[in-house]
Protein backbone atom coordinates (compact mmCIF):
# COMPACT_ATOMS: atom_id res chain seq x y z
CA MET A 1 3.80 2.89 23.21
CA LEU A 2 1.97 5.85 22.20
CA ASP A 3 -1.26 5.94 23.90
CA LEU A 4 -4.03 6.45 21.39
CA SER A 5 -6.46 5.93 24.20
CA LYS A 6 -5.93 9.83 24.95
CA VAL A 7 -7.78 11.46 21.78
CA ARG A 8 -11.02 11.59 22.19
CA SER A 9 -11.82 14.88 20.21
CA PRO A 10 -10.84 16.25 16.58
CA ILE A 11 -8.45 19.08 19.19
CA SER A 12 -6.41 15.88 20.76
CA TRP A 13 -5.39 14.49 17.54
CA PRO A 14 -2.81 16.51 15.87
CA GLN A 15 -0.70 16.47 18.45
CA CYS A 16 -0.61 12.63 18.74
CA ARG A 17 -0.56 11.65 15.63
CA GLY A 18 2.12 14.52 14.89
CA ASP A 19 3.93 11.71 17.63
CA ILE A 20 3.02 8.61 15.79
CA ALA A 21 4.16 9.51 12.08
CA ASN A 22 7.54 10.64 13.41
CA GLU A 23 7.89 7.18 15.12
CA VAL A 24 7.02 5.97 12.06
CA ARG A 25 9.37 7.98 9.76
CA GLU A 26 11.86 6.84 11.82
CA VAL A 27 11.45 3.55 11.09
CA LEU A 28 10.85 4.25 7.25
CA GLY A 29 14.17 5.89 7.07
CA THR A 30 14.72 9.11 5.76
CA LEU A 31 12.49 9.90 2.73
CA PRO A 32 13.24 12.22 0.05
CA LYS A 33 12.50 16.26 0.54
CA GLU A 34 10.84 16.79 -2.15
CA LYS A 35 9.41 14.85 -5.65
CA VAL A 36 11.24 14.51 -9.11
CA GLU A 37 9.47 15.46 -12.51
CA LEU A 38 7.97 12.84 -13.52
CA GLN A 39 8.67 13.16 -17.25
CA LEU A 40 6.08 10.64 -18.15
CA LYS A 41 6.50 8.47 -21.51
CA THR A 42 4.54 6.13 -23.31
CA VAL A 43 6.27 3.29 -24.80
CA ASP A 44 3.91 1.43 -26.38
CA GLU A 45 0.06 0.71 -25.32
CA ILE A 46 -2.66 -2.21 -26.88
CA ASP A 47 -6.61 -2.03 -27.09
CA TYR A 48 -8.64 -3.63 -25.50
CA PRO A 49 -12.77 -3.84 -24.72
CA GLY A 50 -13.60 -1.26 -23.05
CA TYR A 51 -10.25 0.35 -22.28
CA VAL A 52 -6.29 0.91 -23.36
CA ARG A 53 -3.42 -0.32 -21.63
CA ARG A 54 -0.31 1.49 -21.67
CA ARG A 55 3.13 0.61 -20.64
CA VAL A 56 4.42 3.85 -19.38
CA ASN A 57 6.95 4.61 -17.39
CA TYR A 58 8.22 7.80 -15.62
CA PHE A 59 10.90 8.54 -12.45
CA VAL A 60 10.59 8.48 -9.07
CA ASP A 61 13.84 10.01 -8.33
CA SER A 62 16.77 11.86 -9.72
CA TRP A 63 18.12 8.46 -11.63
CA THR A 64 15.83 5.91 -11.70
CA ARG A 65 12.89 5.70 -13.88
CA ILE A 66 10.56 2.89 -13.43
CA SER A 67 8.12 1.48 -15.64
CA ALA A 68 3.84 0.65 -14.77
CA TRP A 69 0.85 -0.75 -16.61
CA LEU A 70 -1.29 1.72 -16.79
CA PHE A 71 -4.95 0.98 -17.68
CA LEU A 72 -7.08 4.11 -19.47
CA PRO A 73 -11.07 3.02 -19.52
CA GLU A 74 -13.08 4.63 -22.80
CA GLY A 75 -14.87 7.27 -22.87
CA LYS A 76 -13.93 8.33 -19.35
CA ASP A 77 -13.77 11.45 -18.27
CA GLU A 78 -12.47 12.62 -14.33
CA ALA A 79 -12.56 9.27 -13.79
CA PRO A 80 -11.57 7.64 -9.97
CA GLY A 81 -7.82 6.27 -10.29
CA ILE A 82 -7.02 3.47 -8.10
CA LEU A 83 -3.21 2.42 -7.75
CA CYS A 84 -2.65 -0.87 -7.42
CA CYS A 85 0.24 -2.35 -5.11
CA HIS A 86 1.63 -5.96 -6.05
CA GLN A 87 1.91 -9.05 -3.59
CA ARG A 88 5.75 -9.99 -2.91
CA VAL A 89 5.70 -12.37 -6.02
CA PRO A 90 8.82 -11.98 -8.91
CA GLN A 91 6.57 -10.67 -11.95
CA GLY A 92 5.75 -7.82 -9.76
CA LYS A 93 3.12 -5.40 -11.61
CA ASP A 94 2.42 -7.91 -14.28
CA GLU A 95 -0.08 -9.73 -12.43
CA PRO A 96 -2.37 -6.75 -11.19
CA ALA A 97 -2.13 -6.38 -14.57
CA GLY A 98 -3.62 -9.41 -15.58
CA LYS A 99 -0.11 -10.86 -17.67
CA SER A 100 0.32 -13.82 -14.98
CA GLY A 101 -0.77 -14.75 -11.47
CA ASP A 102 -3.29 -14.73 -9.22
CA PRO A 103 -6.79 -14.00 -11.63
CA MET A 104 -8.22 -12.65 -8.35
CA LEU A 105 -5.40 -10.31 -7.34
CA TYR A 106 -5.84 -8.73 -11.53
CA HIS A 107 -6.82 -5.63 -9.57
CA ALA A 108 -5.59 -3.33 -12.44
CA GLN A 109 -6.78 -4.54 -15.07
CA ARG A 110 -10.14 -5.66 -13.07
CA TYR A 111 -10.83 -1.70 -12.39
CA ALA A 112 -10.18 -0.72 -16.00
CA GLU A 113 -13.23 -2.91 -16.83
CA MET A 114 -14.97 -0.96 -14.26
CA GLY A 115 -14.31 2.25 -15.51
CA TYR A 116 -11.64 3.67 -13.31
CA VAL A 117 -8.49 4.25 -14.66
CA ALA A 118 -5.43 1.92 -12.92
CA ILE A 119 -2.14 2.32 -12.69
CA ALA A 120 0.28 -1.03 -11.49
CA PRO A 121 3.95 -0.10 -10.76
CA ASP A 122 6.79 -2.19 -9.90
CA CYS A 123 8.48 -1.99 -6.92
CA ILE A 124 11.96 -2.16 -6.36
CA THR A 125 13.70 -5.58 -6.53
CA ALA A 126 10.77 -6.85 -8.27
CA GLY A 127 9.41 -7.26 -12.33
CA ASP A 128 11.53 -4.46 -14.55
CA ARG A 129 13.12 -3.92 -10.91
CA VAL A 130 15.13 -7.25 -10.14
CA LEU A 131 18.86 -6.36 -10.53
CA ALA A 132 21.07 -8.54 -12.54
CA ARG A 133 22.10 -11.99 -10.93
CA LYS A 134 20.33 -11.26 -8.71
CA GLU A 135 16.65 -13.22 -6.88
CA PRO A 136 13.66 -10.80 -7.12
CA TYR A 137 13.21 -9.19 -3.33
CA ASP A 138 17.11 -9.28 -2.34
CA THR A 139 17.82 -5.95 -1.28
CA ARG A 140 21.56 -6.04 -0.25
CA THR A 141 22.55 -3.89 -2.98
CA PHE A 142 19.41 -1.61 -2.39
CA TYR A 143 20.86 -1.22 1.16
CA LYS A 144 24.46 -0.17 -0.70
CA ASP A 145 23.06 2.73 -2.26
CA SER A 146 20.58 3.84 0.40
CA SER A 147 21.74 3.23 4.09
CA LYS A 148 19.34 5.77 5.36
CA MET A 149 16.17 4.80 3.55
CA SER A 150 14.29 1.23 4.48
CA LEU A 151 12.80 -0.74 1.63
CA ALA A 152 9.11 -0.44 2.85
CA GLY A 153 10.14 3.77 3.03
CA LYS A 154 11.13 3.59 -0.51
CA MET A 155 8.37 1.51 -2.02
CA LEU A 156 6.14 4.23 0.12
CA TRP A 157 8.42 6.88 -1.83
CA ASP A 158 7.46 5.34 -5.64
CA HIS A 159 4.18 4.46 -4.84
CA MET A 160 3.55 8.35 -4.09
CA GLN A 161 4.83 8.91 -7.48
CA GLY A 162 2.68 6.93 -8.37
CA ILE A 163 -0.10 8.74 -7.39
CA SER A 164 1.61 11.62 -9.23
CA VAL A 165 0.75 9.71 -12.71
CA LEU A 166 -2.39 9.14 -11.55
CA GLU A 167 -2.99 13.18 -10.75
CA GLU A 168 -1.09 14.01 -13.89
CA LEU A 169 -3.59 12.38 -16.65
CA LYS A 170 -6.85 14.75 -17.42
CA ARG A 171 -8.64 11.28 -17.28
CA VAL A 172 -8.80 11.14 -13.32
CA ASP A 173 -10.60 13.01 -10.86
CA PRO A 174 -7.92 13.72 -8.52
CA ALA A 175 -10.17 13.97 -5.66
CA ARG A 176 -10.89 9.96 -6.48
CA ILE A 177 -8.32 8.21 -5.99
CA GLY A 178 -7.89 4.70 -4.52
CA VAL A 179 -5.37 2.42 -3.03
CA ILE A 180 -5.54 -1.51 -3.40
CA GLY A 181 -2.91 -4.11 -2.30
CA HIS A 182 -2.78 -7.78 -1.07
CA GLY A 183 -0.14 -9.36 1.29
CA MET A 184 3.10 -7.18 0.80
CA GLY A 185 1.15 -4.88 -1.16
CA GLY A 186 -1.54 -4.80 1.01
CA THR A 187 0.86 -3.92 3.81
CA ASN A 188 2.57 -1.29 1.41
CA ALA A 189 -1.10 0.04 0.82
CA LEU A 190 -1.94 1.28 4.29
CA PHE A 191 1.55 3.01 4.49
CA LEU A 192 0.35 5.38 1.43
CA ALA A 193 -3.18 5.60 2.72
CA ALA A 194 -1.16 6.61 6.01
CA PHE A 195 1.42 8.81 4.82
CA ASP A 196 -0.20 10.46 1.60
CA ASN A 197 -3.47 12.32 1.95
CA ARG A 198 -4.62 12.58 -1.42
CA ILE A 199 -5.35 8.85 -1.06
CA GLN A 200 -9.61 8.86 -0.61
CA ALA A 201 -9.95 5.33 -0.24
CA CYS A 202 -8.05 2.49 1.08
CA VAL A 203 -8.58 -1.61 0.70
CA SER A 204 -5.64 -3.68 2.41
CA SER A 205 -5.82 -7.71 2.24
CA CYS A 206 -3.44 -9.69 4.43
CA GLY A 207 -0.95 -6.67 5.02
CA PHE A 208 -0.37 -6.93 8.99
CA SER A 209 -0.64 -8.46 11.85
CA ARG A 210 0.14 -6.89 15.53
CA PHE A 211 4.30 -6.69 15.88
CA GLU A 212 3.53 -7.20 19.80
CA LYS A 213 1.94 -11.12 19.05
CA ASP A 214 4.08 -11.90 16.18
CA MET A 215 6.22 -14.85 17.43
CA ASN A 216 8.41 -14.12 13.99
CA LYS A 217 9.03 -10.73 14.13
CA ALA A 218 11.94 -11.31 12.05
CA ARG A 219 9.72 -11.22 9.24
CA TRP A 220 9.32 -7.37 9.21
CA HIS A 221 13.18 -6.55 9.41
CA ASP A 222 14.72 -9.33 7.48
CA ASP A 223 12.95 -12.09 6.27
CA ASP A 224 15.52 -14.17 3.31
CA ASN A 225 17.80 -11.57 2.45
CA MET A 226 14.72 -9.40 1.89
CA GLN A 227 15.08 -6.33 4.66
CA TYR A 228 11.39 -4.70 5.05
CA MET A 229 11.94 -2.58 7.73
CA PRO A 230 15.38 -3.52 9.43
CA LYS A 231 15.55 -0.37 11.74
CA LEU A 232 12.89 -2.62 14.03
CA GLU A 233 15.20 -4.98 14.46
CA GLU A 234 16.60 -3.41 17.33
CA ALA A 235 13.54 -1.94 18.20
CA PHE A 236 12.19 -5.66 19.00
CA LYS A 237 15.21 -6.25 21.15
CA ALA A 238 14.70 -2.62 23.32
CA GLY A 239 10.83 -4.52 24.23
CA GLY A 240 9.13 -2.82 20.42
CA PRO A 241 8.62 0.05 18.55
CA GLU A 242 6.42 2.88 20.01
CA PHE A 243 3.69 2.28 17.54
CA ASP A 244 2.29 -0.79 16.34
CA TRP A 245 0.00 -1.44 13.38
CA GLU A 246 -3.20 0.62 15.19
CA HIS A 247 -0.92 3.75 15.29
CA ILE A 248 -0.45 3.15 11.53
CA LEU A 249 -4.62 2.24 11.01
CA ALA A 250 -5.02 6.01 12.70
CA LEU A 251 -2.17 7.47 10.62
CA ALA A 252 -4.82 6.95 7.65
CA ALA A 253 -7.73 8.43 9.59
CA PRO A 254 -10.30 9.64 8.08
CA SER A 255 -9.50 7.91 4.58
CA PRO A 256 -12.01 5.31 4.34
CA THR A 257 -9.83 2.15 4.87
CA LEU A 258 -11.42 -1.34 4.05
CA LEU A 259 -9.12 -4.15 5.85
CA LEU A 260 -9.98 -7.86 4.85
CA ASN A 261 -8.28 -10.69 7.01
CA THR A 262 -8.01 -14.22 7.30
CA LEU A 263 -8.30 -16.19 9.96
CA SER A 264 -6.82 -19.48 8.90
CA ASN A 265 -3.18 -20.61 6.38
CA SER A 266 -2.46 -17.21 7.11
CA GLU A 267 1.58 -15.78 6.45
CA PHE A 268 1.20 -14.52 10.02
CA ASP A 269 1.27 -16.58 13.17
CA ASN A 270 -1.34 -14.02 15.24
CA PRO A 271 -3.82 -12.32 12.59
CA LYS A 272 -6.31 -12.34 15.39
CA SER A 273 -5.03 -9.82 17.01
CA CYS A 274 -5.53 -7.40 13.77
CA ASP A 275 -9.30 -7.19 15.53
CA LYS A 276 -7.48 -5.45 18.15
CA ALA A 277 -5.47 -3.80 16.08
CA PHE A 278 -8.94 -2.43 14.13
CA LYS A 279 -11.33 -1.59 17.25
CA GLN A 280 -8.17 0.42 18.54
CA ALA A 281 -7.89 2.78 15.81
CA LYS A 282 -11.51 2.92 15.22
CA LYS A 283 -11.77 5.12 17.98
CA ILE A 284 -9.74 7.35 16.19
CA TYR A 285 -12.04 7.83 12.84
CA LYS A 286 -14.88 7.74 16.02
CA ALA A 287 -12.87 10.79 17.55
CA LEU A 288 -12.20 12.34 13.71
CA GLY A 289 -16.31 11.72 13.20
CA ALA A 290 -15.89 8.98 10.83
CA GLU A 291 -16.47 6.32 12.21
CA SER A 292 -17.97 4.56 9.38
CA ALA A 293 -14.93 5.02 7.36
CA LEU A 294 -12.68 2.12 8.51
CA ASP A 295 -14.60 -1.10 8.12
CA TYR A 296 -12.71 -4.81 8.58
CA TYR A 297 -13.55 -8.42 7.44
CA SER A 298 -12.41 -11.37 8.81
CA HIS A 299 -12.29 -14.68 7.20
CA HIS A 300 -11.38 -18.59 6.95
CA ASP A 301 -10.42 -18.49 3.04
CA GLY A 302 -6.99 -18.53 3.89
CA HIS A 303 -4.22 -16.04 2.19
CA ALA A 304 -6.16 -15.43 -0.75
CA MET A 305 -8.54 -12.86 -2.41
CA ASN A 306 -12.18 -14.79 -3.70
CA ARG A 307 -14.90 -13.34 -5.65
CA ASP A 308 -16.07 -11.95 -2.43
CA LEU A 309 -13.94 -10.17 -1.07
CA MET A 310 -13.52 -8.65 -4.80
CA ASP A 311 -17.04 -7.64 -4.54
CA MET A 312 -16.28 -6.17 -0.60
CA ALA A 313 -13.24 -4.08 -2.37
CA ASP A 314 -15.74 -3.08 -5.15
CA ASP A 315 -18.38 -2.14 -3.33
CA TRP A 316 -15.56 -0.08 -1.13
CA PHE A 317 -14.69 2.43 -3.98
CA ASP A 318 -17.85 2.51 -5.58
CA ARG A 319 -19.13 4.13 -2.17
CA TRP A 320 -16.20 6.12 -1.24
CA LEU A 321 -14.93 6.85 -4.88
């Protein structure tokens, strides 16, 4: 496994970072070399007290136009922007938009009310992107069409296009863009922070546990017809990949990243392993002179967000954006 302890100064980080990024990209699969023109269109919009919610669509690749909820606060110019990654729910973007699901995860609506521009897109296989006669998160058709890319890689690429939407808006300050997610959304948020340097702040809730101590490693490559990173199956059989979650966290450095993690009723077998990943990645942040930009909070309130955790997320974005 790649050794993070060898990095003791900014000088030694670029080579190590490149090695880590190459290993992770191998698992994520081949991403497109160039971004396509967004051709952003507004389908409809509704006024609410303090903000406007628009239904928009845009291209994520040469042949796929997806829809998203876009929230624009009133009277705000050059506002910070936040991309809201949904968890593994059938309705996809409708949960962070406040239309259905867990009110604690109405992130896009919440941050619009606080003066942020927010966008909540559908991940492939969720919401409006569920294929006819298929269940949400059934990835078999996706892999027939995209054998060289993983689902995680596709979600990463599509979220990068979502960041491009925020960048394109005159109402957004492109130097103040963040991402938030819970569960699968928390996982996707970390990948985005790791591979998109436009992310200036990240909040990830219940997004991971270390591969090494996971007793159900299949969750990462084939979980009830959802193949998130199928290349990990062979890597696990061979003794494990050359990276773990501390390496992915390190890729995000020095971007401010807040980790929220439950130690009880977790979807993961060994949530305490997150503390080890945090401590290992913290060394990289320290070496880069950004020790305070990575923080970790564990709790015993189950696999959920609550008011206290949301307050922490709010404070994090207020601090760094």
